[in-house]
N, C-alpha and C. Protein backbone atom coordinates (compact mmCIF):
# COMPACT_ATOMS: atom_id res chain seq x y z
N MET A 1 14.41 -11.70 13.47
CA MET A 1 13.58 -11.52 12.32
C MET A 1 14.25 -12.01 11.07
N ALA A 2 13.71 -12.82 10.31
CA ALA A 2 14.30 -13.35 9.07
C ALA A 2 14.58 -12.19 8.13
N ALA A 3 15.60 -12.43 7.23
CA ALA A 3 15.93 -11.50 6.16
C ALA A 3 14.78 -11.58 5.15
N PRO A 4 14.54 -10.50 4.41
CA PRO A 4 13.44 -10.47 3.40
C PRO A 4 13.86 -11.29 2.19
N GLU A 5 12.87 -11.80 1.48
CA GLU A 5 13.06 -12.38 0.19
C GLU A 5 13.19 -11.31 -0.85
N CYS A 6 14.19 -11.33 -1.63
CA CYS A 6 14.34 -10.36 -2.72
C CYS A 6 13.73 -10.94 -3.95
N ILE A 7 12.71 -10.32 -4.46
CA ILE A 7 11.96 -10.78 -5.66
C ILE A 7 12.56 -10.26 -6.86
N PRO A 8 13.03 -11.09 -7.77
CA PRO A 8 13.72 -10.66 -9.10
C PRO A 8 12.73 -9.83 -9.82
N ALA A 9 13.19 -8.59 -10.19
CA ALA A 9 12.38 -7.71 -11.13
C ALA A 9 13.34 -6.76 -11.76
N GLN A 10 13.27 -6.77 -13.09
CA GLN A 10 14.07 -5.86 -13.82
C GLN A 10 13.64 -4.41 -13.62
N ASP A 11 14.56 -3.47 -13.40
CA ASP A 11 14.27 -2.11 -13.16
C ASP A 11 13.51 -1.76 -11.87
N ALA A 12 13.52 -2.67 -10.92
CA ALA A 12 12.80 -2.47 -9.68
C ALA A 12 13.49 -3.18 -8.53
N GLN A 13 13.19 -2.87 -7.34
CA GLN A 13 13.69 -3.49 -6.16
C GLN A 13 12.48 -3.88 -5.27
N LEU A 14 12.27 -5.17 -5.13
CA LEU A 14 11.11 -5.71 -4.35
C LEU A 14 11.68 -6.65 -3.28
N GLN A 15 11.32 -6.29 -1.96
CA GLN A 15 11.72 -7.04 -0.83
C GLN A 15 10.42 -7.50 -0.12
N LEU A 16 10.36 -8.75 0.21
CA LEU A 16 9.15 -9.30 0.92
C LEU A 16 9.56 -9.97 2.26
N TRP A 17 9.07 -9.38 3.33
CA TRP A 17 9.09 -10.07 4.67
C TRP A 17 7.83 -10.82 4.72
N HIS A 18 7.94 -12.19 4.87
CA HIS A 18 6.77 -13.03 4.87
C HIS A 18 6.02 -12.92 6.23
N GLU A 19 6.79 -12.60 7.33
CA GLU A 19 6.21 -12.53 8.63
C GLU A 19 6.75 -11.28 9.37
N ALA A 20 6.44 -10.10 8.85
CA ALA A 20 6.84 -8.87 9.64
C ALA A 20 6.10 -8.81 10.91
N LEU A 21 4.91 -9.32 11.02
CA LEU A 21 4.19 -9.44 12.26
C LEU A 21 3.80 -10.89 12.36
N SER A 22 3.80 -11.38 13.67
CA SER A 22 3.34 -12.73 13.94
C SER A 22 1.83 -12.84 13.60
N PRO A 23 1.35 -13.98 13.37
CA PRO A 23 -0.07 -14.17 13.11
C PRO A 23 -0.98 -13.58 14.20
N ALA A 24 -0.54 -13.76 15.42
CA ALA A 24 -1.38 -13.20 16.56
C ALA A 24 -1.27 -11.66 16.59
N GLU A 25 -0.17 -11.09 16.28
CA GLU A 25 -0.04 -9.62 16.23
C GLU A 25 -0.85 -9.13 14.99
N ALA A 26 -0.69 -9.74 13.93
CA ALA A 26 -1.42 -9.29 12.71
C ALA A 26 -2.95 -9.33 12.97
N GLN A 27 -3.46 -10.33 13.62
CA GLN A 27 -4.85 -10.41 13.87
C GLN A 27 -5.34 -9.32 14.84
N GLN A 28 -4.56 -9.08 15.84
CA GLN A 28 -4.86 -8.09 16.82
C GLN A 28 -4.91 -6.68 16.21
N TYR A 29 -3.86 -6.25 15.38
CA TYR A 29 -3.89 -5.01 14.74
C TYR A 29 -5.02 -4.93 13.76
N PHE A 30 -5.34 -6.02 13.04
CA PHE A 30 -6.45 -6.05 12.10
C PHE A 30 -7.73 -5.61 12.79
N GLN A 31 -8.03 -6.32 13.92
CA GLN A 31 -9.29 -6.06 14.56
C GLN A 31 -9.40 -4.63 15.14
N HIS A 32 -8.30 -4.09 15.67
CA HIS A 32 -8.34 -2.75 16.13
C HIS A 32 -8.57 -1.70 15.00
N LEU A 33 -7.75 -1.94 13.84
CA LEU A 33 -7.92 -0.93 12.82
C LEU A 33 -9.26 -1.04 12.12
N LEU A 34 -9.78 -2.23 12.00
CA LEU A 34 -11.14 -2.44 11.36
C LEU A 34 -12.13 -1.66 12.17
N ALA A 35 -12.05 -1.72 13.53
CA ALA A 35 -13.04 -1.13 14.39
C ALA A 35 -12.87 0.41 14.58
N ASP A 36 -11.58 0.88 14.54
CA ASP A 36 -11.34 2.23 15.11
C ASP A 36 -11.06 3.23 13.91
N THR A 37 -10.87 2.72 12.68
CA THR A 37 -10.46 3.61 11.57
C THR A 37 -11.78 4.23 11.02
N PRO A 38 -11.81 5.60 10.77
CA PRO A 38 -12.91 6.24 10.17
C PRO A 38 -12.94 6.06 8.68
N TRP A 39 -13.34 4.85 8.24
CA TRP A 39 -13.27 4.41 6.85
C TRP A 39 -14.19 5.28 5.90
N LYS A 40 -13.76 5.63 4.75
CA LYS A 40 -14.51 6.35 3.78
C LYS A 40 -14.45 5.75 2.43
N GLN A 41 -15.50 5.81 1.69
CA GLN A 41 -15.44 5.39 0.22
C GLN A 41 -15.33 6.71 -0.58
N ASP A 42 -14.13 7.11 -0.94
CA ASP A 42 -13.88 8.27 -1.68
C ASP A 42 -14.25 8.11 -3.07
N ARG A 43 -14.41 9.22 -3.77
CA ARG A 43 -14.68 9.25 -5.27
C ARG A 43 -13.46 9.87 -5.94
N ILE A 44 -13.11 9.31 -7.06
CA ILE A 44 -11.98 9.77 -7.87
C ILE A 44 -12.40 10.07 -9.31
N ARG A 45 -11.64 10.78 -10.07
CA ARG A 45 -11.95 11.12 -11.49
C ARG A 45 -11.34 10.01 -12.39
N MET A 46 -12.21 9.40 -13.14
CA MET A 46 -11.82 8.44 -14.15
C MET A 46 -12.58 8.68 -15.38
N PHE A 47 -11.91 8.91 -16.51
CA PHE A 47 -12.45 9.07 -17.82
C PHE A 47 -13.52 10.23 -17.81
N GLY A 48 -13.12 11.31 -16.98
CA GLY A 48 -13.97 12.51 -16.98
C GLY A 48 -15.14 12.42 -16.00
N LYS A 49 -15.20 11.32 -15.29
CA LYS A 49 -16.44 11.14 -14.37
C LYS A 49 -15.90 10.90 -12.92
N ARG A 50 -16.71 11.24 -11.94
CA ARG A 50 -16.42 10.94 -10.57
C ARG A 50 -16.98 9.64 -10.26
N VAL A 51 -16.21 8.70 -9.83
CA VAL A 51 -16.73 7.34 -9.51
C VAL A 51 -16.19 6.93 -8.10
N ALA A 52 -16.96 6.10 -7.40
CA ALA A 52 -16.63 5.62 -6.08
C ALA A 52 -15.53 4.56 -6.23
N ILE A 53 -14.54 4.66 -5.42
CA ILE A 53 -13.44 3.62 -5.50
C ILE A 53 -13.94 2.31 -4.91
N PRO A 54 -13.53 1.22 -5.42
CA PRO A 54 -14.09 -0.09 -4.93
C PRO A 54 -13.39 -0.62 -3.73
N ARG A 55 -13.29 0.21 -2.68
CA ARG A 55 -12.72 -0.16 -1.40
C ARG A 55 -12.96 1.07 -0.49
N LEU A 56 -12.62 0.86 0.82
CA LEU A 56 -12.68 1.99 1.75
C LEU A 56 -11.25 2.40 2.08
N GLN A 57 -11.07 3.64 2.40
CA GLN A 57 -9.64 4.09 2.75
C GLN A 57 -9.63 5.16 3.81
N ALA A 58 -8.47 5.42 4.33
CA ALA A 58 -8.19 6.53 5.29
C ALA A 58 -6.75 6.92 5.05
N TRP A 59 -6.46 8.16 5.28
CA TRP A 59 -5.11 8.79 5.15
C TRP A 59 -4.68 9.40 6.41
N TYR A 60 -3.54 8.92 6.87
CA TYR A 60 -2.90 9.42 8.10
C TYR A 60 -1.52 9.98 7.86
N GLY A 61 -1.03 10.88 8.58
CA GLY A 61 0.34 11.39 8.48
C GLY A 61 0.68 12.59 9.30
N ASP A 62 1.88 13.06 9.12
CA ASP A 62 2.28 14.35 9.73
C ASP A 62 1.40 15.45 9.18
N GLU A 63 1.34 16.50 10.01
CA GLU A 63 0.41 17.60 9.72
C GLU A 63 0.43 18.10 8.33
N HIS A 64 1.61 18.15 7.71
CA HIS A 64 1.72 18.83 6.40
C HIS A 64 1.62 17.92 5.24
N CYS A 65 1.32 16.60 5.58
CA CYS A 65 1.34 15.59 4.49
C CYS A 65 0.02 15.36 3.80
N SER A 66 -0.45 16.39 3.05
CA SER A 66 -1.65 16.15 2.23
C SER A 66 -1.15 15.30 0.94
N TYR A 67 -2.11 14.66 0.34
CA TYR A 67 -1.80 13.78 -0.76
C TYR A 67 -2.89 13.85 -1.80
N SER A 68 -2.65 13.81 -3.04
CA SER A 68 -3.63 13.84 -4.10
C SER A 68 -3.31 12.77 -5.09
N TYR A 69 -4.42 12.22 -5.62
CA TYR A 69 -4.35 11.31 -6.82
C TYR A 69 -5.65 11.22 -7.44
N SER A 70 -5.67 11.14 -8.80
CA SER A 70 -6.88 10.98 -9.53
C SER A 70 -7.98 12.03 -9.21
N GLY A 71 -7.49 13.32 -8.98
CA GLY A 71 -8.45 14.33 -8.64
C GLY A 71 -8.96 14.36 -7.24
N LEU A 72 -8.35 13.46 -6.36
CA LEU A 72 -8.83 13.40 -4.96
C LEU A 72 -7.76 14.04 -4.15
N GLN A 73 -8.23 14.95 -3.17
CA GLN A 73 -7.29 15.57 -2.23
C GLN A 73 -7.56 14.94 -0.93
N LEU A 74 -6.43 14.52 -0.19
CA LEU A 74 -6.60 13.87 1.04
C LEU A 74 -5.82 14.67 2.05
N ALA A 75 -6.51 15.17 3.17
CA ALA A 75 -5.78 15.80 4.25
C ALA A 75 -5.58 14.81 5.36
N PRO A 76 -4.39 14.78 6.02
CA PRO A 76 -3.96 13.69 6.93
C PRO A 76 -4.74 13.69 8.22
N LEU A 77 -5.15 12.59 8.71
CA LEU A 77 -5.55 12.37 10.06
C LEU A 77 -4.28 12.25 10.94
N GLY A 78 -4.33 12.59 12.18
CA GLY A 78 -3.16 12.45 13.02
C GLY A 78 -2.86 10.95 13.39
N TRP A 79 -1.54 10.71 13.61
CA TRP A 79 -1.18 9.33 13.94
C TRP A 79 -1.76 8.95 15.26
N SER A 80 -2.26 7.69 15.30
CA SER A 80 -2.75 7.08 16.48
C SER A 80 -1.57 6.28 17.14
N PRO A 81 -1.62 6.03 18.41
CA PRO A 81 -0.58 5.19 19.02
C PRO A 81 -0.40 3.87 18.31
N LEU A 82 -1.47 3.22 17.84
CA LEU A 82 -1.36 1.85 17.15
C LEU A 82 -0.59 2.12 15.82
N LEU A 83 -1.00 3.11 15.08
CA LEU A 83 -0.30 3.28 13.83
C LEU A 83 1.12 3.68 13.95
N MET A 84 1.46 4.46 15.04
CA MET A 84 2.83 4.70 15.35
C MET A 84 3.64 3.42 15.59
N GLN A 85 3.05 2.50 16.36
CA GLN A 85 3.71 1.18 16.56
C GLN A 85 4.00 0.47 15.22
N LEU A 86 3.05 0.47 14.37
CA LEU A 86 3.24 -0.17 13.05
C LEU A 86 4.30 0.52 12.21
N LYS A 87 4.25 1.89 12.28
CA LYS A 87 5.21 2.68 11.55
C LYS A 87 6.67 2.37 12.00
N THR A 88 6.83 2.28 13.34
CA THR A 88 8.14 1.95 13.86
C THR A 88 8.58 0.62 13.44
N ARG A 89 7.77 -0.33 13.48
CA ARG A 89 8.10 -1.71 13.02
C ARG A 89 8.45 -1.70 11.49
N VAL A 90 7.73 -1.13 10.71
CA VAL A 90 8.04 -1.03 9.28
C VAL A 90 9.30 -0.30 9.04
N GLU A 91 9.53 0.81 9.77
CA GLU A 91 10.80 1.53 9.55
C GLU A 91 12.04 0.79 9.96
N THR A 92 11.82 0.05 11.01
CA THR A 92 12.94 -0.78 11.53
C THR A 92 13.37 -1.83 10.53
N LEU A 93 12.33 -2.49 9.95
CA LEU A 93 12.66 -3.62 8.97
C LEU A 93 13.15 -3.01 7.64
N SER A 94 12.58 -1.97 7.16
CA SER A 94 12.90 -1.47 5.85
C SER A 94 14.11 -0.52 5.88
N GLN A 95 14.52 0.02 7.08
CA GLN A 95 15.55 0.96 7.20
C GLN A 95 15.26 2.21 6.42
N GLN A 96 13.96 2.59 6.38
CA GLN A 96 13.51 3.80 5.79
C GLN A 96 12.65 4.59 6.72
N ARG A 97 12.49 5.92 6.49
CA ARG A 97 11.61 6.79 7.23
C ARG A 97 10.38 7.13 6.45
N PHE A 98 9.22 7.14 7.11
CA PHE A 98 7.99 7.47 6.49
C PHE A 98 7.23 8.50 7.34
N ASN A 99 6.46 9.40 6.64
CA ASN A 99 5.68 10.43 7.35
C ASN A 99 4.23 10.32 7.00
N SER A 100 3.72 9.23 6.34
CA SER A 100 2.36 9.17 6.06
C SER A 100 2.01 7.75 5.71
N VAL A 101 0.73 7.37 5.80
CA VAL A 101 0.27 6.04 5.44
C VAL A 101 -1.18 6.07 4.91
N LEU A 102 -1.37 5.34 3.88
CA LEU A 102 -2.73 5.13 3.31
C LEU A 102 -3.26 3.76 3.68
N LEU A 103 -4.45 3.75 4.35
CA LEU A 103 -5.05 2.42 4.75
C LEU A 103 -6.14 2.15 3.75
N ASN A 104 -6.14 0.93 3.24
CA ASN A 104 -7.19 0.50 2.34
C ASN A 104 -7.86 -0.71 3.05
N LEU A 105 -9.20 -0.76 2.92
CA LEU A 105 -10.01 -1.83 3.46
C LEU A 105 -10.69 -2.54 2.29
N TYR A 106 -10.27 -3.80 2.01
CA TYR A 106 -10.95 -4.59 0.96
C TYR A 106 -11.94 -5.46 1.67
N ARG A 107 -13.22 -5.14 1.60
CA ARG A 107 -14.27 -5.81 2.39
C ARG A 107 -14.51 -7.29 1.92
N THR A 108 -14.47 -7.51 0.58
CA THR A 108 -14.69 -8.80 0.00
C THR A 108 -13.79 -8.87 -1.22
N GLY A 109 -13.83 -10.03 -1.92
CA GLY A 109 -13.12 -10.24 -3.08
C GLY A 109 -13.50 -9.24 -4.29
N LYS A 110 -14.69 -8.64 -4.11
CA LYS A 110 -15.20 -7.68 -5.11
C LYS A 110 -14.43 -6.33 -4.99
N ASP A 111 -13.90 -6.04 -3.86
CA ASP A 111 -13.16 -4.81 -3.69
C ASP A 111 -11.75 -5.01 -4.30
N SER A 112 -11.21 -3.94 -4.90
CA SER A 112 -10.01 -4.12 -5.70
C SER A 112 -9.31 -2.77 -5.81
N ASN A 113 -8.13 -2.81 -6.48
CA ASN A 113 -7.39 -1.57 -6.79
C ASN A 113 -6.81 -1.84 -8.22
N GLY A 114 -7.16 -0.97 -9.15
CA GLY A 114 -6.82 -1.16 -10.55
C GLY A 114 -5.32 -0.83 -10.75
N TRP A 115 -4.89 -1.16 -12.03
CA TRP A 115 -3.45 -0.84 -12.46
C TRP A 115 -3.10 0.61 -12.18
N HIS A 116 -2.01 0.77 -11.51
CA HIS A 116 -1.58 2.18 -11.28
C HIS A 116 -0.05 2.11 -10.78
N SER A 117 0.58 3.28 -10.72
CA SER A 117 1.85 3.45 -10.07
C SER A 117 1.68 4.56 -9.02
N ASP A 118 2.42 4.35 -7.93
CA ASP A 118 2.46 5.46 -6.90
C ASP A 118 3.58 6.42 -7.31
N ASP A 119 3.26 7.27 -8.30
CA ASP A 119 4.27 8.14 -8.90
C ASP A 119 3.82 9.62 -8.88
N GLU A 120 3.05 9.96 -7.89
CA GLU A 120 2.60 11.37 -7.76
C GLU A 120 3.83 12.27 -7.47
N PRO A 121 3.86 13.54 -7.90
CA PRO A 121 4.98 14.40 -7.73
C PRO A 121 5.45 14.52 -6.31
N GLU A 122 4.47 14.54 -5.34
CA GLU A 122 4.90 14.79 -3.97
C GLU A 122 5.58 13.54 -3.31
N LEU A 123 5.69 12.41 -4.07
CA LEU A 123 6.47 11.27 -3.54
C LEU A 123 7.93 11.29 -4.08
N GLY A 124 8.31 12.13 -5.04
CA GLY A 124 9.67 12.21 -5.46
C GLY A 124 9.87 11.24 -6.63
N ASP A 125 11.17 11.17 -7.08
CA ASP A 125 11.54 10.40 -8.32
C ASP A 125 11.57 8.92 -8.05
N GLN A 126 12.12 8.46 -7.00
CA GLN A 126 12.17 7.00 -6.79
C GLN A 126 11.60 6.77 -5.33
N PRO A 127 10.32 6.86 -5.14
CA PRO A 127 9.73 6.67 -3.83
C PRO A 127 9.92 5.26 -3.32
N VAL A 128 9.99 5.20 -2.04
CA VAL A 128 9.91 3.86 -1.36
C VAL A 128 8.52 3.65 -0.72
N ILE A 129 7.82 2.61 -1.23
CA ILE A 129 6.54 2.28 -0.70
C ILE A 129 6.55 1.00 0.08
N ALA A 130 6.13 1.07 1.33
CA ALA A 130 6.13 -0.08 2.16
C ALA A 130 4.70 -0.56 2.42
N SER A 131 4.39 -1.72 2.01
CA SER A 131 2.97 -2.23 2.01
C SER A 131 2.84 -3.35 3.01
N LEU A 132 2.00 -3.08 4.12
CA LEU A 132 1.87 -4.03 5.20
C LEU A 132 0.43 -4.58 5.05
N SER A 133 0.28 -6.00 5.04
CA SER A 133 -0.97 -6.61 4.87
C SER A 133 -1.46 -7.21 6.13
N LEU A 134 -2.75 -7.08 6.42
CA LEU A 134 -3.41 -7.65 7.60
C LEU A 134 -4.74 -8.29 7.16
N GLY A 135 -5.05 -9.37 7.67
CA GLY A 135 -6.34 -9.99 7.41
C GLY A 135 -6.28 -11.03 6.23
N GLY A 136 -7.29 -10.97 5.34
CA GLY A 136 -7.36 -11.95 4.28
C GLY A 136 -6.20 -11.88 3.36
N SER A 137 -5.75 -13.01 2.74
CA SER A 137 -4.75 -13.12 1.83
C SER A 137 -5.24 -12.70 0.44
N ARG A 138 -4.52 -11.90 -0.30
CA ARG A 138 -4.83 -11.50 -1.70
C ARG A 138 -3.68 -11.52 -2.55
N ARG A 139 -3.89 -11.67 -3.90
CA ARG A 139 -2.95 -11.73 -4.91
C ARG A 139 -2.59 -10.30 -5.39
N PHE A 140 -1.32 -9.96 -5.48
CA PHE A 140 -0.83 -8.70 -5.85
C PHE A 140 -0.04 -8.85 -7.12
N LYS A 141 -0.41 -8.09 -8.10
CA LYS A 141 0.22 -8.26 -9.52
C LYS A 141 0.98 -6.96 -9.89
N LEU A 142 2.07 -7.25 -10.61
CA LEU A 142 2.91 -6.14 -11.21
C LEU A 142 3.16 -6.41 -12.69
N ARG A 143 3.22 -5.35 -13.42
CA ARG A 143 3.51 -5.48 -14.87
C ARG A 143 4.52 -4.28 -15.24
N HIS A 144 5.45 -4.57 -16.20
CA HIS A 144 6.29 -3.52 -16.61
C HIS A 144 5.57 -2.54 -17.52
N LYS A 145 5.88 -1.27 -17.35
CA LYS A 145 5.24 -0.28 -18.15
C LYS A 145 5.66 -0.18 -19.63
N PHE A 146 6.91 -0.48 -19.89
CA PHE A 146 7.51 -0.20 -21.25
C PHE A 146 7.83 -1.39 -22.04
N ASP A 147 8.13 -2.52 -21.39
CA ASP A 147 8.63 -3.76 -22.07
C ASP A 147 7.70 -4.90 -21.90
N PRO A 148 6.75 -5.14 -22.79
CA PRO A 148 5.81 -6.27 -22.64
C PRO A 148 6.43 -7.62 -22.59
N SER A 149 7.76 -7.73 -23.00
CA SER A 149 8.43 -9.04 -22.97
C SER A 149 8.91 -9.44 -21.65
N ILE A 150 8.88 -8.47 -20.69
CA ILE A 150 9.26 -8.71 -19.35
C ILE A 150 8.08 -9.39 -18.60
N SER A 151 8.24 -10.52 -18.05
CA SER A 151 7.16 -11.26 -17.39
C SER A 151 6.58 -10.53 -16.24
N GLY A 152 5.30 -10.52 -16.05
CA GLY A 152 4.67 -9.97 -14.90
C GLY A 152 4.96 -10.74 -13.68
N ILE A 153 4.71 -10.12 -12.51
CA ILE A 153 4.92 -10.74 -11.26
C ILE A 153 3.74 -10.84 -10.40
N ASN A 154 3.51 -11.98 -9.79
CA ASN A 154 2.37 -12.23 -8.93
C ASN A 154 2.89 -12.59 -7.57
N ILE A 155 2.35 -11.97 -6.49
CA ILE A 155 2.78 -12.12 -5.15
C ILE A 155 1.60 -12.35 -4.34
N GLN A 156 1.58 -13.43 -3.54
CA GLN A 156 0.53 -13.65 -2.62
C GLN A 156 0.89 -12.95 -1.32
N LEU A 157 0.03 -11.93 -0.90
CA LEU A 157 0.33 -11.14 0.24
C LEU A 157 -0.57 -11.68 1.39
N ASN A 158 0.12 -12.35 2.34
CA ASN A 158 -0.58 -12.93 3.46
C ASN A 158 -0.59 -11.98 4.66
N SER A 159 -1.37 -12.20 5.65
CA SER A 159 -1.51 -11.40 6.78
C SER A 159 -0.21 -11.39 7.58
N GLY A 160 0.22 -10.10 7.89
CA GLY A 160 1.53 -9.97 8.58
C GLY A 160 2.72 -9.77 7.64
N SER A 161 2.52 -9.90 6.29
CA SER A 161 3.64 -9.70 5.39
C SER A 161 3.87 -8.22 5.05
N LEU A 162 5.10 -7.87 4.68
CA LEU A 162 5.52 -6.58 4.37
C LEU A 162 6.25 -6.61 3.01
N LEU A 163 5.70 -5.88 2.02
CA LEU A 163 6.42 -5.75 0.65
C LEU A 163 6.90 -4.32 0.54
N VAL A 164 8.24 -4.26 0.32
CA VAL A 164 8.76 -2.88 0.16
C VAL A 164 9.22 -2.71 -1.30
N MET A 165 8.72 -1.73 -1.95
CA MET A 165 8.97 -1.39 -3.41
C MET A 165 9.78 -0.16 -3.50
N SER A 166 10.98 -0.28 -4.08
CA SER A 166 11.92 0.83 -4.19
C SER A 166 12.55 0.89 -5.55
N GLY A 167 13.60 1.79 -5.72
CA GLY A 167 14.25 1.92 -7.00
C GLY A 167 13.25 2.45 -7.97
N HIS A 168 13.20 1.83 -9.16
CA HIS A 168 12.36 2.28 -10.23
C HIS A 168 11.04 1.50 -10.24
N SER A 169 10.59 1.00 -9.05
CA SER A 169 9.42 0.19 -8.98
C SER A 169 8.17 1.00 -9.48
N GLN A 170 8.16 2.30 -9.20
CA GLN A 170 7.00 3.09 -9.60
C GLN A 170 7.08 3.74 -10.98
N SER A 171 8.31 4.07 -11.30
CA SER A 171 8.48 4.74 -12.66
C SER A 171 8.47 3.74 -13.75
N HIS A 172 8.84 2.40 -13.52
CA HIS A 172 8.91 1.47 -14.58
C HIS A 172 7.86 0.30 -14.49
N TRP A 173 7.15 0.30 -13.37
CA TRP A 173 6.12 -0.75 -13.22
C TRP A 173 4.82 -0.17 -12.75
N GLN A 174 3.77 -0.97 -12.99
CA GLN A 174 2.42 -0.69 -12.41
C GLN A 174 2.07 -1.95 -11.58
N HIS A 175 1.16 -1.69 -10.58
CA HIS A 175 0.77 -2.79 -9.74
C HIS A 175 -0.81 -2.70 -9.53
N CYS A 176 -1.40 -3.79 -9.19
CA CYS A 176 -2.83 -3.83 -8.89
C CYS A 176 -3.12 -4.90 -7.87
N LEU A 177 -4.37 -4.81 -7.32
CA LEU A 177 -4.93 -5.85 -6.49
C LEU A 177 -6.30 -6.23 -7.20
N PRO A 178 -6.28 -7.29 -7.99
CA PRO A 178 -7.43 -7.60 -8.83
C PRO A 178 -8.59 -8.22 -7.94
N LYS A 179 -9.78 -8.06 -8.48
CA LYS A 179 -10.95 -8.75 -7.85
C LYS A 179 -10.73 -10.30 -7.90
N THR A 180 -11.43 -11.02 -7.01
CA THR A 180 -11.32 -12.39 -6.98
C THR A 180 -12.69 -12.97 -6.68
N ALA A 181 -12.99 -14.10 -7.38
CA ALA A 181 -14.35 -14.69 -7.10
C ALA A 181 -14.23 -15.79 -5.91
N ARG A 182 -12.97 -16.00 -5.47
CA ARG A 182 -12.75 -16.92 -4.36
C ARG A 182 -13.27 -16.32 -3.06
N PRO A 183 -13.82 -17.08 -2.15
CA PRO A 183 -14.17 -16.57 -0.84
C PRO A 183 -12.91 -16.03 -0.17
N THR A 184 -13.06 -14.81 0.34
CA THR A 184 -11.81 -14.22 1.01
C THR A 184 -12.23 -13.40 2.19
N GLU A 185 -11.39 -13.37 3.22
CA GLU A 185 -11.70 -12.55 4.38
C GLU A 185 -11.39 -11.15 4.08
N PRO A 186 -11.88 -10.22 4.87
CA PRO A 186 -11.62 -8.78 4.70
C PRO A 186 -10.13 -8.63 4.89
N ARG A 187 -9.50 -7.56 4.17
CA ARG A 187 -8.18 -7.31 4.25
C ARG A 187 -7.93 -5.93 4.45
N ILE A 188 -6.91 -5.52 5.29
CA ILE A 188 -6.52 -4.14 5.48
C ILE A 188 -5.06 -4.09 4.96
N ASN A 189 -4.82 -3.07 4.12
CA ASN A 189 -3.46 -2.86 3.62
C ASN A 189 -3.05 -1.50 4.02
N LEU A 190 -1.88 -1.34 4.55
CA LEU A 190 -1.25 -0.12 4.92
C LEU A 190 -0.01 0.20 4.02
N THR A 191 -0.13 1.31 3.26
CA THR A 191 1.09 1.65 2.38
C THR A 191 1.69 2.88 2.97
N PHE A 192 2.85 2.64 3.62
CA PHE A 192 3.64 3.73 4.19
C PHE A 192 4.44 4.42 3.09
N ARG A 193 4.50 5.72 3.18
CA ARG A 193 5.23 6.53 2.13
C ARG A 193 5.82 7.78 2.76
N ASN A 194 6.57 8.50 2.01
CA ASN A 194 7.24 9.80 2.43
C ASN A 194 6.81 10.86 1.53
N ILE A 195 6.07 11.86 1.99
CA ILE A 195 5.66 13.02 1.27
C ILE A 195 6.81 13.98 1.25
N LEU A 196 7.27 14.44 0.15
CA LEU A 196 8.24 15.50 0.07
C LEU A 196 7.67 16.86 0.12
N HIS A 197 8.45 17.89 0.39
CA HIS A 197 7.94 19.28 0.51
C HIS A 197 8.82 20.18 -0.29
N GLY A 198 8.22 21.22 -0.78
CA GLY A 198 8.98 22.20 -1.55
C GLY A 198 9.34 21.66 -2.88
N PRO A 199 10.24 22.34 -3.67
CA PRO A 199 10.66 21.84 -5.05
C PRO A 199 11.34 20.51 -5.00
N HIS A 200 10.91 19.69 -5.94
CA HIS A 200 11.50 18.32 -6.08
C HIS A 200 11.47 17.91 -7.48
C-alpha cells in the first residue's frame, strides 16, 4: 500500500490515501452498504427550527457509543461483519483505533453537508477523524476558523480514498461537502471516530 499524501495545512494534519481500497473493492462495499444499511433522514436543530438534513445517515459503534450533534441524539447500531472489515482496514492504514462510524449517503449532487467541525465534547480535544469514500466522486472543502488569510483547501475525494484529519483539524478548521450541479453518482462516506467516556 502506497504511503499517504500529506496535504499542507496550517494548524492541521491531513493525510490522504488515494486508493485505500481498490476500485473493485470500493464498488463491492458500496453496493452492499447501499442495499443493507437502514438509512434515515434525521432532523437537526438549526436557527431554532428542526430541519431535515440534506442526506441520509446511519450511526454504528460499540454499545456505549452514543453521539449527539445539533440537537440530534444517535444510539449506535451494532457492527456488521462488513463494517468490521472496513474498520480494520482503516485502523491498519491510519494506525489509530476507532469505536464508532457515521455513514452518510449523498444520493445526488443536491445532497450536501454544510460548514462544520467534528468538535463535540465526546470526541475529545484533538479527535482523529478517518473519512472513507465509496461511490461517486465529490469535492471536499476546508476553511480556517480564525485566520481568513489562510487559503482554503479543496480535495477531490474519489471512491476508495481515505482522508484522515488529526491534530487541530477540528479545533482550527471547518469542512463541508457542498452541493454540485454536475451529474454525480451516489456516494457513501464513512467517518470513523473514537467516542470518549467519562470526564475529558
